[in-house]
Amino acid sequence: MQRRSGVPVHIFRLAGIYGPGRSAFDALRAGTAKRVEIPGHLFSRIHVDDITSVLLASMAKPRPGAIYNVCDDEPAAQAEVIGYAANLLDVEPPPLVTLENAQLSPMAKSFYADNKRVSNALIKRELAVRLRYPNYRAGLAAILAAGG
């Protein structure tokens, strides 16, 4: 995968990205957060700072053609993440709603079409990445502590 330029190419499959200015806190403050209850529906996430760590690690140890899943250690339900963020802000979380009653756009509904859990084992094993924010709780707490 480095045929033309001689530069090794890597593919990074990113989970749901969050960080300062792009988190459950922002949705709660804007009044747009929804807690959609779908039993068993989990979604992998990744803090933007951890994405940077993975990219730097891959540049330090290139393997042309590598494909990496970039996510934290703990897939979680969207409703759980919003509830946790509300708790940190000391605000009432939005009520739980069914997908049918959530009044979502078709694009937003597609988010719930299937589970989006992936493994980050390769970035840990091959790139020796140690996530700064191994789960949404650590990431959200850091965002809030930094003023987000």
N, C-alpha and C. Protein backbone atom coordinates (compact mmCIF):
# COMPACT_ATOMS: atom_id res chain seq x y z
N MET A 1 0.81 -1.20 0.00
CA MET A 1 0.00 0.00 0.00
C MET A 1 0.85 1.26 0.00
N GLN A 2 2.03 1.18 -0.52
CA GLN A 2 2.86 2.37 -0.61
C GLN A 2 3.44 2.48 -2.01
N ARG A 3 2.70 1.97 -2.99
CA ARG A 3 3.18 1.83 -4.36
C ARG A 3 3.69 3.12 -4.98
N ARG A 4 2.93 4.17 -4.97
CA ARG A 4 3.30 5.37 -5.71
C ARG A 4 4.27 6.28 -4.97
N SER A 5 4.00 6.55 -3.73
CA SER A 5 4.78 7.55 -3.01
C SER A 5 5.89 6.97 -2.16
N GLY A 6 5.84 5.69 -1.91
CA GLY A 6 6.83 5.09 -1.02
C GLY A 6 6.53 5.32 0.44
N VAL A 7 5.42 5.98 0.74
CA VAL A 7 5.02 6.25 2.12
C VAL A 7 4.08 5.13 2.58
N PRO A 8 4.35 4.55 3.75
CA PRO A 8 3.46 3.49 4.22
C PRO A 8 2.06 4.03 4.51
N VAL A 9 1.07 3.29 4.06
CA VAL A 9 -0.32 3.69 4.26
C VAL A 9 -0.93 2.83 5.36
N HIS A 10 -1.62 3.50 6.28
CA HIS A 10 -2.36 2.81 7.33
C HIS A 10 -3.81 3.23 7.22
N ILE A 11 -4.69 2.35 7.64
CA ILE A 11 -6.12 2.67 7.67
C ILE A 11 -6.56 2.67 9.13
N PHE A 12 -7.25 3.73 9.51
CA PHE A 12 -7.73 3.87 10.88
C PHE A 12 -9.25 3.92 10.86
N ARG A 13 -9.87 2.95 11.48
CA ARG A 13 -11.33 2.90 11.60
C ARG A 13 -11.67 3.51 12.95
N LEU A 14 -12.21 4.73 12.90
CA LEU A 14 -12.48 5.48 14.13
C LEU A 14 -13.87 5.20 14.66
N ALA A 15 -13.94 5.00 15.96
CA ALA A 15 -15.23 4.87 16.65
C ALA A 15 -15.83 6.27 16.78
N GLY A 16 -16.92 6.40 17.51
CA GLY A 16 -17.55 7.70 17.74
C GLY A 16 -16.57 8.64 18.44
N ILE A 17 -16.26 9.74 17.80
CA ILE A 17 -15.25 10.67 18.31
C ILE A 17 -15.91 11.67 19.25
N TYR A 18 -15.25 11.90 20.39
CA TYR A 18 -15.69 12.94 21.31
C TYR A 18 -14.47 13.63 21.90
N GLY A 19 -14.71 14.79 22.46
CA GLY A 19 -13.65 15.56 23.09
C GLY A 19 -14.19 16.93 23.46
N PRO A 20 -13.30 17.84 23.86
CA PRO A 20 -13.76 19.19 24.21
C PRO A 20 -14.51 19.83 23.04
N GLY A 21 -15.68 20.37 23.33
CA GLY A 21 -16.49 20.99 22.28
C GLY A 21 -17.31 20.02 21.46
N ARG A 22 -17.15 18.74 21.74
CA ARG A 22 -17.88 17.70 21.00
C ARG A 22 -18.13 16.52 21.94
N SER A 23 -19.01 16.74 22.89
CA SER A 23 -19.27 15.68 23.87
C SER A 23 -20.73 15.72 24.31
N ALA A 24 -21.06 14.78 25.18
CA ALA A 24 -22.42 14.73 25.74
C ALA A 24 -22.74 16.02 26.49
N PHE A 25 -21.73 16.67 27.07
CA PHE A 25 -21.97 17.94 27.78
C PHE A 25 -22.55 18.98 26.83
N ASP A 26 -22.01 19.05 25.63
CA ASP A 26 -22.48 20.06 24.67
C ASP A 26 -23.93 19.81 24.28
N ALA A 27 -24.29 18.55 24.08
CA ALA A 27 -25.68 18.22 23.74
C ALA A 27 -26.61 18.52 24.91
N LEU A 28 -26.18 18.21 26.12
CA LEU A 28 -27.00 18.52 27.30
C LEU A 28 -27.20 20.02 27.44
N ARG A 29 -26.15 20.78 27.32
CA ARG A 29 -26.25 22.25 27.47
C ARG A 29 -27.08 22.88 26.37
N ALA A 30 -27.03 22.29 25.18
CA ALA A 30 -27.80 22.82 24.06
C ALA A 30 -29.25 22.36 24.09
N GLY A 31 -29.57 21.44 24.99
CA GLY A 31 -30.94 20.92 25.07
C GLY A 31 -31.28 19.93 23.97
N THR A 32 -30.27 19.38 23.31
CA THR A 32 -30.51 18.45 22.20
C THR A 32 -30.23 17.00 22.57
N ALA A 33 -29.74 16.76 23.78
CA ALA A 33 -29.41 15.40 24.18
C ALA A 33 -30.67 14.55 24.31
N LYS A 34 -30.57 13.32 23.84
CA LYS A 34 -31.67 12.36 23.97
C LYS A 34 -31.09 11.08 24.55
N ARG A 35 -31.88 10.44 25.37
CA ARG A 35 -31.50 9.13 25.90
C ARG A 35 -32.43 8.11 25.28
N VAL A 36 -31.94 7.50 24.20
CA VAL A 36 -32.73 6.52 23.48
C VAL A 36 -32.43 5.15 24.07
N GLU A 37 -33.51 4.50 24.52
CA GLU A 37 -33.36 3.20 25.16
C GLU A 37 -33.56 2.08 24.15
N ILE A 38 -32.46 1.38 23.90
CA ILE A 38 -32.50 0.20 23.05
C ILE A 38 -31.72 -0.88 23.77
N PRO A 39 -32.39 -1.82 24.38
CA PRO A 39 -31.69 -2.85 25.15
C PRO A 39 -30.59 -3.53 24.33
N GLY A 40 -29.41 -3.61 24.93
CA GLY A 40 -28.30 -4.30 24.30
C GLY A 40 -27.54 -3.50 23.25
N HIS A 41 -27.99 -2.28 22.95
CA HIS A 41 -27.31 -1.48 21.92
C HIS A 41 -26.11 -0.79 22.54
N LEU A 42 -24.93 -1.13 22.05
CA LEU A 42 -23.69 -0.54 22.54
C LEU A 42 -22.92 0.09 21.38
N PHE A 43 -22.12 1.07 21.71
CA PHE A 43 -21.39 1.81 20.69
C PHE A 43 -19.99 2.12 21.23
N SER A 44 -18.98 1.88 20.42
CA SER A 44 -17.61 2.22 20.81
C SER A 44 -17.35 3.69 20.56
N ARG A 45 -16.50 4.27 21.40
CA ARG A 45 -16.15 5.69 21.31
C ARG A 45 -14.64 5.84 21.42
N ILE A 46 -14.16 7.05 21.11
CA ILE A 46 -12.75 7.35 21.29
C ILE A 46 -12.58 8.85 21.53
N HIS A 47 -11.79 9.19 22.53
CA HIS A 47 -11.48 10.59 22.82
C HIS A 47 -10.46 11.08 21.79
N VAL A 48 -10.61 12.30 21.36
CA VAL A 48 -9.74 12.85 20.32
C VAL A 48 -8.26 12.79 20.72
N ASP A 49 -7.94 12.96 21.99
CA ASP A 49 -6.54 12.87 22.42
C ASP A 49 -5.98 11.46 22.23
N ASP A 50 -6.81 10.45 22.40
CA ASP A 50 -6.36 9.09 22.19
C ASP A 50 -6.17 8.78 20.71
N ILE A 51 -6.94 9.41 19.85
CA ILE A 51 -6.71 9.27 18.41
C ILE A 51 -5.31 9.75 18.07
N THR A 52 -4.93 10.89 18.62
CA THR A 52 -3.60 11.44 18.38
C THR A 52 -2.52 10.46 18.82
N SER A 53 -2.71 9.84 19.99
CA SER A 53 -1.73 8.87 20.49
C SER A 53 -1.57 7.69 19.53
N VAL A 54 -2.67 7.22 18.99
CA VAL A 54 -2.62 6.09 18.06
C VAL A 54 -1.89 6.50 16.78
N LEU A 55 -2.19 7.66 16.26
CA LEU A 55 -1.54 8.12 15.02
C LEU A 55 -0.03 8.26 15.22
N LEU A 56 0.36 8.86 16.33
CA LEU A 56 1.79 9.02 16.61
C LEU A 56 2.47 7.66 16.77
N ALA A 57 1.82 6.73 17.44
CA ALA A 57 2.39 5.39 17.62
C ALA A 57 2.54 4.68 16.29
N SER A 58 1.59 4.86 15.39
CA SER A 58 1.68 4.19 14.08
C SER A 58 2.79 4.79 13.23
N MET A 59 3.04 6.08 13.39
CA MET A 59 4.15 6.70 12.65
C MET A 59 5.50 6.23 13.18
N ALA A 60 5.57 5.98 14.46
CA ALA A 60 6.81 5.51 15.08
C ALA A 60 7.09 4.05 14.73
N LYS A 61 6.04 3.31 14.42
CA LYS A 61 6.18 1.88 14.14
C LYS A 61 5.30 1.51 12.94
N PRO A 62 5.66 2.00 11.76
CA PRO A 62 4.80 1.77 10.60
C PRO A 62 4.77 0.30 10.16
N ARG A 63 3.58 -0.10 9.74
CA ARG A 63 3.38 -1.41 9.11
C ARG A 63 2.48 -1.17 7.91
N PRO A 64 3.07 -1.01 6.73
CA PRO A 64 2.27 -0.70 5.54
C PRO A 64 1.09 -1.65 5.38
N GLY A 65 -0.07 -1.06 5.12
CA GLY A 65 -1.28 -1.83 4.92
C GLY A 65 -2.05 -2.16 6.18
N ALA A 66 -1.54 -1.75 7.32
CA ALA A 66 -2.21 -2.06 8.59
C ALA A 66 -3.57 -1.38 8.66
N ILE A 67 -4.50 -2.07 9.26
CA ILE A 67 -5.84 -1.53 9.50
C ILE A 67 -6.08 -1.60 11.00
N TYR A 68 -6.34 -0.44 11.61
CA TYR A 68 -6.51 -0.37 13.05
C TYR A 68 -7.90 0.13 13.41
N ASN A 69 -8.53 -0.54 14.37
CA ASN A 69 -9.74 -0.02 15.00
C ASN A 69 -9.28 0.90 16.12
N VAL A 70 -9.78 2.12 16.11
CA VAL A 70 -9.37 3.09 17.12
C VAL A 70 -10.59 3.39 17.99
N CYS A 71 -10.58 2.80 19.18
CA CYS A 71 -11.70 2.95 20.11
C CYS A 71 -11.19 2.74 21.52
N ASP A 72 -12.03 3.11 22.48
CA ASP A 72 -11.64 2.88 23.88
C ASP A 72 -11.96 1.44 24.28
N ASP A 73 -11.81 1.15 25.56
CA ASP A 73 -11.96 -0.21 26.05
C ASP A 73 -13.40 -0.63 26.36
N GLU A 74 -14.33 0.32 26.35
CA GLU A 74 -15.65 0.01 26.90
C GLU A 74 -16.79 0.55 26.06
N PRO A 75 -17.30 -0.26 25.13
CA PRO A 75 -18.51 0.17 24.41
C PRO A 75 -19.63 0.41 25.42
N ALA A 76 -20.44 1.40 25.16
CA ALA A 76 -21.50 1.74 26.11
C ALA A 76 -22.75 2.21 25.38
N ALA A 77 -23.86 2.09 26.06
CA ALA A 77 -25.13 2.59 25.52
C ALA A 77 -25.12 4.11 25.52
N GLN A 78 -25.68 4.69 24.50
CA GLN A 78 -25.74 6.15 24.38
C GLN A 78 -26.49 6.75 25.57
N ALA A 79 -27.55 6.09 26.00
CA ALA A 79 -28.33 6.59 27.14
C ALA A 79 -27.50 6.62 28.41
N GLU A 80 -26.62 5.65 28.56
CA GLU A 80 -25.74 5.58 29.73
C GLU A 80 -24.75 6.76 29.73
N VAL A 81 -24.20 7.06 28.58
CA VAL A 81 -23.23 8.16 28.46
C VAL A 81 -23.90 9.50 28.76
N ILE A 82 -25.07 9.72 28.20
CA ILE A 82 -25.79 10.97 28.45
C ILE A 82 -26.16 11.07 29.93
N GLY A 83 -26.60 9.97 30.51
CA GLY A 83 -26.94 9.97 31.93
C GLY A 83 -25.74 10.28 32.81
N TYR A 84 -24.60 9.73 32.48
CA TYR A 84 -23.39 9.98 33.25
C TYR A 84 -22.97 11.46 33.13
N ALA A 85 -23.02 11.98 31.92
CA ALA A 85 -22.66 13.39 31.71
C ALA A 85 -23.61 14.31 32.48
N ALA A 86 -24.89 14.00 32.48
CA ALA A 86 -25.87 14.80 33.23
C ALA A 86 -25.54 14.77 34.71
N ASN A 87 -25.19 13.60 35.21
CA ASN A 87 -24.81 13.47 36.61
C ASN A 87 -23.59 14.35 36.93
N LEU A 88 -22.59 14.34 36.07
CA LEU A 88 -21.40 15.17 36.30
C LEU A 88 -21.74 16.66 36.31
N LEU A 89 -22.70 17.04 35.47
CA LEU A 89 -23.12 18.45 35.41
C LEU A 89 -24.12 18.79 36.50
N ASP A 90 -24.57 17.78 37.22
CA ASP A 90 -25.58 17.94 38.26
C ASP A 90 -26.88 18.51 37.68
N VAL A 91 -27.28 17.95 36.54
CA VAL A 91 -28.55 18.32 35.91
C VAL A 91 -29.38 17.05 35.72
N GLU A 92 -30.66 17.23 35.58
CA GLU A 92 -31.56 16.10 35.34
C GLU A 92 -31.32 15.57 33.93
N PRO A 93 -31.10 14.28 33.78
CA PRO A 93 -30.91 13.74 32.43
C PRO A 93 -32.23 13.76 31.66
N PRO A 94 -32.14 13.81 30.36
CA PRO A 94 -33.38 13.72 29.57
C PRO A 94 -34.06 12.38 29.84
N PRO A 95 -35.35 12.32 29.68
CA PRO A 95 -36.05 11.05 29.93
C PRO A 95 -35.64 10.00 28.90
N LEU A 96 -35.73 8.74 29.31
CA LEU A 96 -35.50 7.66 28.36
C LEU A 96 -36.67 7.61 27.38
N VAL A 97 -36.37 7.43 26.11
CA VAL A 97 -37.40 7.32 25.08
C VAL A 97 -37.09 6.12 24.19
N THR A 98 -38.10 5.59 23.57
CA THR A 98 -37.89 4.52 22.61
C THR A 98 -37.41 5.14 21.29
N LEU A 99 -36.84 4.32 20.45
CA LEU A 99 -36.38 4.80 19.15
C LEU A 99 -37.55 5.37 18.36
N GLU A 100 -38.69 4.74 18.46
CA GLU A 100 -39.88 5.20 17.72
C GLU A 100 -40.34 6.59 18.18
N ASN A 101 -40.13 6.89 19.45
CA ASN A 101 -40.58 8.17 20.00
C ASN A 101 -39.48 9.22 20.13
N ALA A 102 -38.31 8.93 19.63
CA ALA A 102 -37.16 9.83 19.81
C ALA A 102 -37.15 11.02 18.86
N GLN A 103 -37.98 10.99 17.83
CA GLN A 103 -38.04 12.09 16.86
C GLN A 103 -36.64 12.42 16.31
N LEU A 104 -36.03 11.41 15.70
CA LEU A 104 -34.69 11.56 15.14
C LEU A 104 -34.76 11.65 13.62
N SER A 105 -33.77 12.29 13.04
CA SER A 105 -33.66 12.33 11.59
C SER A 105 -33.30 10.93 11.09
N PRO A 106 -33.53 10.66 9.81
CA PRO A 106 -33.14 9.35 9.29
C PRO A 106 -31.66 9.06 9.51
N MET A 107 -30.81 10.06 9.39
CA MET A 107 -29.39 9.85 9.61
C MET A 107 -29.11 9.49 11.07
N ALA A 108 -29.75 10.20 11.99
CA ALA A 108 -29.56 9.90 13.41
C ALA A 108 -30.10 8.51 13.74
N LYS A 109 -31.22 8.13 13.13
CA LYS A 109 -31.78 6.80 13.37
C LYS A 109 -30.83 5.71 12.89
N SER A 110 -30.09 5.99 11.82
CA SER A 110 -29.17 4.97 11.28
C SER A 110 -28.09 4.60 12.30
N PHE A 111 -27.79 5.52 13.21
CA PHE A 111 -26.83 5.26 14.29
C PHE A 111 -27.25 4.04 15.10
N TYR A 112 -28.55 3.84 15.23
CA TYR A 112 -29.09 2.77 16.05
C TYR A 112 -29.40 1.50 15.27
N ALA A 113 -29.04 1.46 14.00
CA ALA A 113 -29.39 0.31 13.16
C ALA A 113 -28.73 -0.98 13.62
N ASP A 114 -27.53 -0.87 14.18
CA ASP A 114 -26.86 -2.07 14.69
C ASP A 114 -25.86 -1.66 15.77
N ASN A 115 -25.35 -2.64 16.45
CA ASN A 115 -24.32 -2.37 17.45
C ASN A 115 -23.02 -1.99 16.74
N LYS A 116 -22.29 -1.09 17.33
CA LYS A 116 -21.04 -0.66 16.74
C LYS A 116 -19.92 -0.84 17.76
N ARG A 117 -19.69 -2.08 18.10
CA ARG A 117 -18.63 -2.44 19.04
C ARG A 117 -17.46 -2.99 18.25
N VAL A 118 -16.29 -2.48 18.53
CA VAL A 118 -15.09 -2.99 17.87
C VAL A 118 -14.00 -3.20 18.92
N SER A 119 -13.00 -3.96 18.55
CA SER A 119 -11.91 -4.27 19.45
C SER A 119 -10.71 -3.37 19.17
N ASN A 120 -10.06 -2.92 20.23
CA ASN A 120 -8.85 -2.12 20.10
C ASN A 120 -7.60 -2.95 20.41
N ALA A 121 -7.71 -4.25 20.40
CA ALA A 121 -6.60 -5.13 20.78
C ALA A 121 -5.35 -4.89 19.93
N LEU A 122 -5.52 -4.63 18.65
CA LEU A 122 -4.36 -4.47 17.77
C LEU A 122 -3.56 -3.21 18.09
N ILE A 123 -4.24 -2.10 18.40
CA ILE A 123 -3.47 -0.89 18.72
C ILE A 123 -2.70 -1.07 20.02
N LYS A 124 -3.23 -1.88 20.90
CA LYS A 124 -2.54 -2.13 22.17
C LYS A 124 -1.38 -3.10 21.98
N ARG A 125 -1.64 -4.17 21.27
CA ARG A 125 -0.63 -5.21 21.09
C ARG A 125 0.49 -4.75 20.15
N GLU A 126 0.12 -4.25 19.00
CA GLU A 126 1.12 -3.93 17.97
C GLU A 126 1.77 -2.57 18.17
N LEU A 127 0.99 -1.59 18.59
CA LEU A 127 1.52 -0.23 18.72
C LEU A 127 1.83 0.14 20.17
N ALA A 128 1.51 -0.74 21.09
CA ALA A 128 1.74 -0.51 22.53
C ALA A 128 1.06 0.77 23.01
N VAL A 129 -0.10 1.05 22.48
CA VAL A 129 -0.86 2.24 22.88
C VAL A 129 -1.48 2.00 24.25
N ARG A 130 -1.32 2.96 25.11
CA ARG A 130 -1.99 2.95 26.41
C ARG A 130 -2.94 4.14 26.39
N LEU A 131 -4.20 3.87 26.38
CA LEU A 131 -5.20 4.93 26.26
C LEU A 131 -5.21 5.84 27.49
N ARG A 132 -5.23 7.10 27.23
CA ARG A 132 -5.34 8.08 28.32
C ARG A 132 -6.74 8.03 28.92
N TYR A 133 -7.73 7.81 28.05
CA TYR A 133 -9.14 7.75 28.45
C TYR A 133 -9.70 6.39 28.02
N PRO A 134 -9.54 5.36 28.85
CA PRO A 134 -9.95 4.01 28.46
C PRO A 134 -11.46 3.80 28.40
N ASN A 135 -12.24 4.77 28.89
CA ASN A 135 -13.69 4.68 28.79
C ASN A 135 -14.28 6.09 28.81
N TYR A 136 -15.56 6.17 28.50
CA TYR A 136 -16.23 7.47 28.42
C TYR A 136 -16.22 8.20 29.76
N ARG A 137 -16.24 7.48 30.86
CA ARG A 137 -16.24 8.14 32.18
C ARG A 137 -14.96 8.93 32.41
N ALA A 138 -13.83 8.33 32.09
CA ALA A 138 -12.55 9.01 32.23
C ALA A 138 -12.46 10.20 31.28
N GLY A 139 -12.92 10.01 30.05
CA GLY A 139 -12.87 11.09 29.07
C GLY A 139 -13.77 12.25 29.43
N LEU A 140 -15.00 11.97 29.84
CA LEU A 140 -15.92 13.04 30.21
C LEU A 140 -15.44 13.78 31.46
N ALA A 141 -14.93 13.05 32.44
CA ALA A 141 -14.42 13.70 33.65
C ALA A 141 -13.28 14.65 33.31
N ALA A 142 -12.40 14.26 32.41
CA ALA A 142 -11.28 15.12 32.01
C ALA A 142 -11.77 16.36 31.26
N ILE A 143 -12.75 16.18 30.40
CA ILE A 143 -13.31 17.33 29.66
C ILE A 143 -13.89 18.34 30.64
N LEU A 144 -14.67 17.85 31.59
CA LEU A 144 -15.30 18.74 32.57
C LEU A 144 -14.24 19.42 33.44
N ALA A 145 -13.23 18.68 33.86
CA ALA A 145 -12.18 19.25 34.70
C ALA A 145 -11.41 20.34 33.97
N ALA A 146 -11.33 20.24 32.65
CA ALA A 146 -10.63 21.23 31.84
C ALA A 146 -11.53 22.42 31.47
N GLY A 147 -12.74 22.43 32.00
CA GLY A 147 -13.64 23.55 31.73
C GLY A 147 -14.64 23.30 30.64
N GLY A 148 -14.68 22.08 30.14
CA GLY A 148 -15.60 21.75 29.06
C GLY A 148 -16.90 21.35 29.57
